[in-house]
Amino acid sequence: MSDTEKKKEIEDPSKTFRKKALGAAAAVTTGAAVLVNSAFGSPEELIKPDEQPQHAIVYDIGDESAEEDEDDEEEEEEEAPSTFWGRIRQRIWTWPRAVRILIGLPLWALGWGVCQICQALWGLVLSPVLKAVWGVFALFAVLAGVLGLAGRAAFPELPLREVFKKSRLIALAVCSVLLETLLAILPAVDDKWEAWTGLLRFGGGAVILCGLMLSLWVTQQRRKRYVLGT
């Protein structure tokens, strides 16, 4: 083993640790940014907290229990349960103003960006295009599973790699795309087709499976002829 390879082996653990540390730091920073952004609706609220109005307490000077009542009220206010975000805001507001500007504002901006990206991705998930893609993938997965079970049951002598041959999977994917495209177009042409979508999907899937099973039968017959010929 050369000296260069030995150095690489020595440096690999440190590089792995560095990558893990950077990943953990990025995760913690992102989580803190989202937390700060969720706690404060705007940067102004983060920099300058709302002034809490002080309620004046009026009592008789001659009342000896007035001071004790005031202390009890203050203790009740301090012990009153607050919301999680309220406690987070109060804790961050105790930071010096310079710290809130230098650290809090970048975290708030990062959290805002992360939240915007998540909202955009969620909107993409709910978009009709992605729904159509998911429909094609689901149809392909179901038909592939049924093909594997039916193919092995009907033609046990064929290996599984022959059942899921590359050309056969490509044909299955193309047929799934065509079927889902047809099912998306028909309701747009006429609303009456929407009630028949489920039946058409079932019938189309059955036709596709029949074609694929026929191709497996043809493959089996070819193998038999080859064995008999030899």
C-alpha atoms as a PDB file:
ATOM      1  CA  MET A   1       0.000   0.000   0.000  1.00  0.00           C
ATOM      2  CA  SER A   2       1.400   3.375  -0.994  1.00  0.00           C
ATOM      3  CA  ASP A   3       1.841   6.354   1.322  1.00  0.00           C
ATOM      4  CA  THR A   4      -0.930   8.261  -0.465  1.00  0.00           C
ATOM      5  CA  GLU A   5      -3.471   5.489   0.192  1.00  0.00           C
ATOM      6  CA  LYS A   6      -2.394   5.321   3.836  1.00  0.00           C
ATOM      7  CA  LYS A   7      -2.923   9.076   4.208  1.00  0.00           C
ATOM      8  CA  LYS A   8      -6.377   8.785   2.644  1.00  0.00           C
ATOM      9  CA  GLU A   9      -7.326   6.038   5.105  1.00  0.00           C
ATOM     10  CA  ILE A  10      -6.118   8.213   7.989  1.00  0.00           C
ATOM     11  CA  GLU A  11      -7.996  11.262   6.737  1.00  0.00           C
ATOM     12  CA  ASP A  12     -11.239   9.431   5.993  1.00  0.00           C
ATOM     13  CA  PRO A  13     -12.470   9.249   9.637  1.00  0.00           C
ATOM     14  CA  SER A  14     -11.873  12.969  10.150  1.00  0.00           C
ATOM     15  CA  LYS A  15     -13.692  13.800   6.937  1.00  0.00           C
ATOM     16  CA  THR A  16     -16.618  11.613   7.949  1.00  0.00           C
ATOM     17  CA  PHE A  17     -16.788  13.273  11.359  1.00  0.00           C
ATOM     18  CA  ARG A  18     -16.591  16.717   9.742  1.00  0.00           C
ATOM     19  CA  LYS A  19     -19.446  15.893   7.382  1.00  0.00           C
ATOM     20  CA  LYS A  20     -21.587  14.593  10.229  1.00  0.00           C
ATOM     21  CA  ALA A  21     -20.832  17.680  12.310  1.00  0.00           C
ATOM     22  CA  LEU A  22     -21.719  19.997   9.435  1.00  0.00           C
ATOM     23  CA  GLY A  23     -24.939  18.087   8.812  1.00  0.00           C
ATOM     24  CA  ALA A  24     -25.914  18.254  12.482  1.00  0.00           C
ATOM     25  CA  ALA A  25     -25.093  21.972  12.647  1.00  0.00           C
ATOM     26  CA  ALA A  26     -27.168  22.640   9.521  1.00  0.00           C
ATOM     27  CA  ALA A  27     -30.110  20.690  10.962  1.00  0.00           C
ATOM     28  CA  VAL A  28     -29.946  22.535  14.301  1.00  0.00           C
ATOM     29  CA  THR A  29     -29.632  25.911  12.579  1.00  0.00           C
ATOM     30  CA  THR A  30     -32.580  25.202  10.297  1.00  0.00           C
ATOM     31  CA  GLY A  31     -34.711  24.042  13.209  1.00  0.00           C
ATOM     32  CA  ALA A  32     -33.846  27.151  15.239  1.00  0.00           C
ATOM     33  CA  ALA A  33     -34.598  29.362  12.222  1.00  0.00           C
ATOM     34  CA  VAL A  34     -38.036  27.813  11.729  1.00  0.00           C
ATOM     35  CA  LEU A  35     -38.691  28.163  15.476  1.00  0.00           C
ATOM     36  CA  VAL A  36     -37.789  31.873  15.472  1.00  0.00           C
ATOM     37  CA  ASN A  37     -39.820  32.543  12.330  1.00  0.00           C
ATOM     38  CA  SER A  38     -42.841  30.763  13.789  1.00  0.00           C
ATOM     39  CA  ALA A  39     -42.600  32.687  17.056  1.00  0.00           C
ATOM     40  CA  PHE A  40     -42.356  36.148  15.448  1.00  0.00           C
ATOM     41  CA  GLY A  41     -44.601  37.302  12.638  1.00  0.00           C
ATOM     42  CA  SER A  42     -42.252  40.070  11.496  1.00  0.00           C
ATOM     43  CA  PRO A  43     -38.666  41.252  12.067  1.00  0.00           C
ATOM     44  CA  GLU A  44     -39.940  44.368  13.841  1.00  0.00           C
ATOM     45  CA  GLU A  45     -41.631  42.194  16.444  1.00  0.00           C
ATOM     46  CA  LEU A  46     -38.353  40.382  17.015  1.00  0.00           C
ATOM     47  CA  ILE A  47     -36.233  43.513  17.386  1.00  0.00           C
ATOM     48  CA  LYS A  48     -38.651  45.603  19.412  1.00  0.00           C
ATOM     49  CA  PRO A  49     -41.066  43.673  21.623  1.00  0.00           C
ATOM     50  CA  ASP A  50     -44.495  45.041  22.318  1.00  0.00           C
ATOM     51  CA  GLU A  51     -44.615  47.106  25.463  1.00  0.00           C
ATOM     52  CA  GLN A  52     -46.692  45.402  28.070  1.00  0.00           C
ATOM     53  CA  PRO A  53     -49.145  47.862  29.671  1.00  0.00           C
ATOM     54  CA  GLN A  54     -48.840  48.129  33.427  1.00  0.00           C
ATOM     55  CA  HIS A  55     -52.144  48.012  35.235  1.00  0.00           C
ATOM     56  CA  ALA A  56     -52.446  50.491  38.052  1.00  0.00           C
ATOM     57  CA  ILE A  57     -53.558  49.067  41.381  1.00  0.00           C
ATOM     58  CA  VAL A  58     -55.628  51.344  43.590  1.00  0.00           C
ATOM     59  CA  TYR A  59     -56.070  50.546  47.245  1.00  0.00           C
ATOM     60  CA  ASP A  60     -56.641  52.356  50.515  1.00  0.00           C
ATOM     61  CA  ILE A  61     -53.551  53.448  52.392  1.00  0.00           C
ATOM     62  CA  GLY A  62     -55.113  52.455  55.619  1.00  0.00           C
ATOM     63  CA  ASP A  63     -55.735  48.890  54.501  1.00  0.00           C
ATOM     64  CA  GLU A  64     -53.004  46.708  55.974  1.00  0.00           C
ATOM     65  CA  SER A  65     -53.728  43.806  53.604  1.00  0.00           C
ATOM     66  CA  ALA A  66     -53.451  45.898  50.396  1.00  0.00           C
ATOM     67  CA  GLU A  67     -49.741  45.242  49.992  1.00  0.00           C
ATOM     68  CA  GLU A  68     -50.217  41.530  50.544  1.00  0.00           C
ATOM     69  CA  ASP A  69     -53.028  41.459  47.941  1.00  0.00           C
ATOM     70  CA  GLU A  70     -50.745  43.189  45.418  1.00  0.00           C
ATOM     71  CA  ASP A  71     -47.999  40.640  46.027  1.00  0.00           C
ATOM     72  CA  ASP A  72     -50.488  37.792  45.622  1.00  0.00           C
ATOM     73  CA  GLU A  73     -51.737  39.237  42.312  1.00  0.00           C
ATOM     74  CA  GLU A  74     -48.174  39.576  40.993  1.00  0.00           C
ATOM     75  CA  GLU A  75     -47.407  35.979  41.973  1.00  0.00           C
ATOM     76  CA  GLU A  76     -50.573  34.771  40.230  1.00  0.00           C
ATOM     77  CA  GLU A  77     -49.598  36.676  37.067  1.00  0.00           C
ATOM     78  CA  GLU A  78     -46.096  35.164  37.162  1.00  0.00           C
ATOM     79  CA  GLU A  79     -47.457  31.675  37.787  1.00  0.00           C
ATOM     80  CA  ALA A  80     -50.186  31.981  35.149  1.00  0.00           C
ATOM     81  CA  PRO A  81     -49.606  29.439  32.338  1.00  0.00           C
ATOM     82  CA  SER A  82     -48.529  30.946  29.025  1.00  0.00           C
ATOM     83  CA  THR A  83     -48.411  29.480  25.534  1.00  0.00           C
ATOM     84  CA  PHE A  84     -45.327  27.803  24.127  1.00  0.00           C
ATOM     85  CA  TRP A  85     -44.730  30.570  21.570  1.00  0.00           C
ATOM     86  CA  GLY A  86     -45.275  33.193  24.259  1.00  0.00           C
ATOM     87  CA  ARG A  87     -42.532  31.664  26.384  1.00  0.00           C
ATOM     88  CA  ILE A  88     -40.228  31.500  23.355  1.00  0.00           C
ATOM     89  CA  ARG A  89     -40.843  35.198  22.593  1.00  0.00           C
ATOM     90  CA  GLN A  90     -40.276  36.228  26.199  1.00  0.00           C
ATOM     91  CA  ARG A  91     -37.031  34.265  26.310  1.00  0.00           C
ATOM     92  CA  ILE A  92     -35.706  35.790  23.073  1.00  0.00           C
ATOM     93  CA  TRP A  93     -36.749  39.281  24.158  1.00  0.00           C
ATOM     94  CA  THR A  94     -34.418  38.914  27.134  1.00  0.00           C
ATOM     95  CA  TRP A  95     -31.474  38.822  24.710  1.00  0.00           C
ATOM     96  CA  PRO A  96     -29.615  42.099  24.184  1.00  0.00           C
ATOM     97  CA  ARG A  97     -30.860  44.111  21.211  1.00  0.00           C
ATOM     98  CA  ALA A  98     -27.526  43.680  19.379  1.00  0.00           C
ATOM     99  CA  VAL A  99     -27.735  39.888  19.730  1.00  0.00           C
ATOM    100  CA  ARG A 100     -31.300  39.887  18.404  1.00  0.00           C
ATOM    101  CA  ILE A 101     -30.183  41.928  15.378  1.00  0.00           C
ATOM    102  CA  LEU A 102     -26.997  39.972  14.622  1.00  0.00           C
ATOM    103  CA  ILE A 103     -28.328  36.468  15.346  1.00  0.00           C
ATOM    104  CA  GLY A 104     -32.100  36.654  15.572  1.00  0.00           C
ATOM    105  CA  LEU A 105     -32.700  38.463  12.264  1.00  0.00           C
ATOM    106  CA  PRO A 106     -30.624  36.038  10.114  1.00  0.00           C
ATOM    107  CA  LEU A 107     -32.360  33.112  11.792  1.00  0.00           C
ATOM    108  CA  TRP A 108     -35.774  34.680  11.159  1.00  0.00           C
ATOM    109  CA  ALA A 109     -34.892  35.274   7.477  1.00  0.00           C
ATOM    110  CA  LEU A 110     -33.639  31.699   7.078  1.00  0.00           C
ATOM    111  CA  GLY A 111     -36.769  30.332   8.719  1.00  0.00           C
ATOM    112  CA  TRP A 112     -38.952  32.470   6.457  1.00  0.00           C
ATOM    113  CA  GLY A 113     -37.184  31.052   3.393  1.00  0.00           C
ATOM    114  CA  VAL A 114     -37.557  27.473   4.623  1.00  0.00           C
ATOM    115  CA  CYS A 115     -41.271  27.999   5.309  1.00  0.00           C
ATOM    116  CA  GLN A 116     -41.806  29.515   1.856  1.00  0.00           C
ATOM    117  CA  ILE A 117     -40.062  26.572   0.195  1.00  0.00           C
ATOM    118  CA  CYS A 118     -42.165  24.105   2.189  1.00  0.00           C
ATOM    119  CA  GLN A 119     -45.361  25.911   1.196  1.00  0.00           C
ATOM    120  CA  ALA A 120     -44.327  25.846  -2.466  1.00  0.00           C
ATOM    121  CA  LEU A 121     -43.525  22.120  -2.284  1.00  0.00           C
ATOM    122  CA  TRP A 122     -46.846  21.422  -0.564  1.00  0.00           C
ATOM    123  CA  GLY A 123     -48.643  23.311  -3.313  1.00  0.00           C
ATOM    124  CA  LEU A 124     -46.774  21.218  -5.867  1.00  0.00           C
ATOM    125  CA  VAL A 125     -47.836  18.035  -4.114  1.00  0.00           C
ATOM    126  CA  LEU A 126     -51.468  19.118  -4.374  1.00  0.00           C
ATOM    127  CA  SER A 127     -51.134  20.209  -8.012  1.00  0.00           C
ATOM    128  CA  PRO A 128     -53.067  18.293 -10.701  1.00  0.00           C
ATOM    129  CA  VAL A 129     -49.857  17.494 -12.598  1.00  0.00           C
ATOM    130  CA  LEU A 130     -48.304  15.701  -9.648  1.00  0.00           C
ATOM    131  CA  LYS A 131     -51.580  13.914  -8.978  1.00  0.00           C
ATOM    132  CA  ALA A 132     -51.490  12.589 -12.529  1.00  0.00           C
ATOM    133  CA  VAL A 133     -47.868  11.469 -12.099  1.00  0.00           C
ATOM    134  CA  TRP A 134     -48.772   9.756  -8.847  1.00  0.00           C
ATOM    135  CA  GLY A 135     -51.699   8.034 -10.605  1.00  0.00           C
ATOM    136  CA  VAL A 136     -49.362   6.668 -13.285  1.00  0.00           C
ATOM    137  CA  PHE A 137     -46.863   5.464 -10.677  1.00  0.00           C
ATOM    138  CA  ALA A 138     -49.590   3.797  -8.590  1.00  0.00           C
ATOM    139  CA  LEU A 139     -51.065   2.065 -11.631  1.00  0.00           C
ATOM    140  CA  PHE A 140     -47.615   0.886 -12.739  1.00  0.00           C
ATOM    141  CA  ALA A 141     -46.813  -0.456  -9.253  1.00  0.00           C
ATOM    142  CA  VAL A 142     -50.110  -2.335  -8.956  1.00  0.00           C
ATOM    143  CA  LEU A 143     -49.858  -3.861 -12.423  1.00  0.00           C
ATOM    144  CA  ALA A 144     -46.214  -4.824 -11.860  1.00  0.00           C
ATOM    145  CA  GLY A 145     -47.115  -6.558  -8.606  1.00  0.00           C
ATOM    146  CA  VAL A 146     -49.999  -8.461 -10.171  1.00  0.00           C
ATOM    147  CA  LEU A 147     -47.793  -9.372 -13.140  1.00  0.00           C
ATOM    148  CA  GLY A 148     -45.132 -10.798 -10.845  1.00  0.00           C
ATOM    149  CA  LEU A 149     -47.617 -12.927  -8.884  1.00  0.00           C
ATOM    150  CA  ALA A 150     -49.591 -14.100 -11.898  1.00  0.00           C
ATOM    151  CA  GLY A 151     -46.486 -14.722 -13.994  1.00  0.00           C
ATOM    152  CA  ARG A 152     -44.814 -16.875 -11.377  1.00  0.00           C
ATOM    153  CA  ALA A 153     -48.067 -18.768 -10.736  1.00  0.00           C
ATOM    154  CA  ALA A 154     -48.845 -19.434 -14.402  1.00  0.00           C
ATOM    155  CA  PHE A 155     -45.277 -19.963 -15.592  1.00  0.00           C
ATOM    156  CA  PRO A 156     -43.234 -21.270 -12.643  1.00  0.00           C
ATOM    157  CA  GLU A 157     -40.399 -22.417 -14.907  1.00  0.00           C
ATOM    158  CA  LEU A 158     -39.689 -18.830 -15.968  1.00  0.00           C
ATOM    159  CA  PRO A 159     -37.259 -16.993 -13.672  1.00  0.00           C
ATOM    160  CA  LEU A 160     -38.375 -13.780 -12.029  1.00  0.00           C
ATOM    161  CA  ARG A 161     -35.893 -11.729 -14.040  1.00  0.00           C
ATOM    162  CA  GLU A 162     -37.637 -12.973 -17.200  1.00  0.00           C
ATOM    163  CA  VAL A 163     -41.018 -11.884 -15.851  1.00  0.00           C
ATOM    164  CA  PHE A 164     -39.643  -8.409 -15.092  1.00  0.00           C
ATOM    165  CA  LYS A 165     -37.635  -8.150 -18.254  1.00  0.00           C
ATOM    166  CA  LYS A 166     -36.540  -4.628 -19.149  1.00  0.00           C
ATOM    167  CA  SER A 167     -38.546  -4.481 -22.364  1.00  0.00           C
ATOM    168  CA  ARG A 168     -41.616  -5.790 -20.549  1.00  0.00           C
ATOM    169  CA  LEU A 169     -41.329  -3.156 -17.825  1.00  0.00           C
ATOM    170  CA  ILE A 170     -40.911  -0.418 -20.441  1.00  0.00           C
ATOM    171  CA  ALA A 171     -44.063  -1.639 -22.199  1.00  0.00           C
ATOM    172  CA  LEU A 172     -45.910  -1.663 -18.867  1.00  0.00           C
ATOM    173  CA  ALA A 173     -44.780   1.904 -18.099  1.00  0.00           C
ATOM    174  CA  VAL A 174     -45.819   3.181 -21.543  1.00  0.00           C
ATOM    175  CA  CYS A 175     -49.227   1.518 -21.310  1.00  0.00           C
ATOM    176  CA  SER A 176     -49.751   2.956 -17.806  1.00  0.00           C
ATOM    177  CA  VAL A 177     -48.984   6.471 -19.054  1.00  0.00           C
ATOM    178  CA  LEU A 178     -51.304   6.075 -22.046  1.00  0.00           C
ATOM    179  CA  LEU A 179     -54.142   4.704 -19.913  1.00  0.00           C
ATOM    180  CA  GLU A 180     -53.888   7.475 -17.302  1.00  0.00           C
ATOM    181  CA  THR A 181     -53.663  10.117 -20.042  1.00  0.00           C
ATOM    182  CA  LEU A 182     -56.814   8.731 -21.649  1.00  0.00           C
ATOM    183  CA  LEU A 183     -58.616   8.717 -18.304  1.00  0.00           C
ATOM    184  CA  ALA A 184     -57.612  12.362 -17.745  1.00  0.00           C
ATOM    185  CA  ILE A 185     -58.746  13.476 -21.229  1.00  0.00           C
ATOM    186  CA  LEU A 186     -62.132  11.725 -21.391  1.00  0.00           C
ATOM    187  CA  PRO A 187     -63.760  13.607 -18.447  1.00  0.00           C
ATOM    188  CA  ALA A 188     -62.556  16.896 -19.951  1.00  0.00           C
ATOM    189  CA  VAL A 189     -64.284  16.033 -23.226  1.00  0.00           C
ATOM    190  CA  ASP A 190     -67.522  14.864 -21.644  1.00  0.00           C
ATOM    191  CA  ASP A 191     -68.511  14.880 -17.961  1.00  0.00           C
ATOM    192  CA  LYS A 192     -70.341  11.578 -18.382  1.00  0.00           C
ATOM    193  CA  TRP A 193     -67.023   9.724 -18.663  1.00  0.00           C
ATOM    194  CA  GLU A 194     -66.066  10.712 -15.109  1.00  0.00           C
ATOM    195  CA  ALA A 195     -68.500   8.166 -13.658  1.00  0.00           C
ATOM    196  CA  TRP A 196     -66.840   5.411 -15.715  1.00  0.00           C
ATOM    197  CA  THR A 197     -63.248   6.257 -14.779  1.00  0.00           C
ATOM    198  CA  GLY A 198     -62.879   3.438 -12.261  1.00  0.00           C
ATOM    199  CA  LEU A 199     -64.326   0.833 -14.598  1.00  0.00           C
ATOM    200  CA  LEU A 200     -62.173   2.040 -17.489  1.00  0.00           C
ATOM    201  CA  ARG A 201     -59.045   1.897 -15.331  1.00  0.00           C
ATOM    202  CA  PHE A 202     -59.885  -1.638 -14.235  1.00  0.00           C
ATOM    203  CA  GLY A 203     -60.646  -2.749 -17.795  1.00  0.00           C
ATOM    204  CA  GLY A 204     -57.552  -1.060 -19.214  1.00  0.00           C
ATOM    205  CA  GLY A 205     -55.356  -2.631 -16.538  1.00  0.00           C
ATOM    206  CA  ALA A 206     -56.829  -6.046 -17.292  1.00  0.00           C
ATOM    207  CA  VAL A 207     -56.094  -5.645 -21.019  1.00  0.00           C
ATOM    208  CA  ILE A 208     -52.499  -4.607 -20.259  1.00  0.00           C
ATOM    209  CA  LEU A 209     -52.008  -7.616 -17.981  1.00  0.00           C
ATOM    210  CA  CYS A 210     -53.460  -9.949 -20.603  1.00  0.00           C
ATOM    211  CA  GLY A 211     -50.990  -8.620 -23.168  1.00  0.00           C
ATOM    212  CA  LEU A 212     -48.065  -9.076 -20.781  1.00  0.00           C
ATOM    213  CA  MET A 213     -49.170 -12.591 -19.826  1.00  0.00           C
ATOM    214  CA  LEU A 214     -49.420 -13.422 -23.522  1.00  0.00           C
ATOM    215  CA  SER A 215     -45.835 -12.264 -23.975  1.00  0.00           C
ATOM    216  CA  LEU A 216     -44.788 -14.534 -21.094  1.00  0.00           C
ATOM    217  CA  TRP A 217     -46.561 -17.463 -22.750  1.00  0.00           C
ATOM    218  CA  VAL A 218     -44.734 -16.733 -26.001  1.00  0.00           C
ATOM    219  CA  THR A 219     -41.429 -16.644 -24.103  1.00  0.00           C
ATOM    220  CA  GLN A 220     -42.218 -19.976 -22.458  1.00  0.00           C
ATOM    221  CA  GLN A 221     -43.038 -21.599 -25.820  1.00  0.00           C
ATOM    222  CA  ARG A 222     -39.784 -20.336 -27.298  1.00  0.00           C
ATOM    223  CA  ARG A 223     -37.843 -21.812 -24.395  1.00  0.00           C
ATOM    224  CA  LYS A 224     -39.566 -25.166 -24.883  1.00  0.00           C
ATOM    225  CA  ARG A 225     -38.762 -25.200 -28.599  1.00  0.00           C
ATOM    226  CA  TYR A 226     -35.141 -24.371 -27.817  1.00  0.00           C
ATOM    227  CA  VAL A 227     -34.915 -27.208 -25.287  1.00  0.00           C
ATOM    228  CA  LEU A 228     -36.532 -29.706 -27.687  1.00  0.00           C
ATOM    229  CA  GLY A 229     -34.314 -28.560 -30.539  1.00  0.00           C
ATOM    230  CA  THR A 230     -31.174 -29.182 -28.538  1.00  0.00           C
END
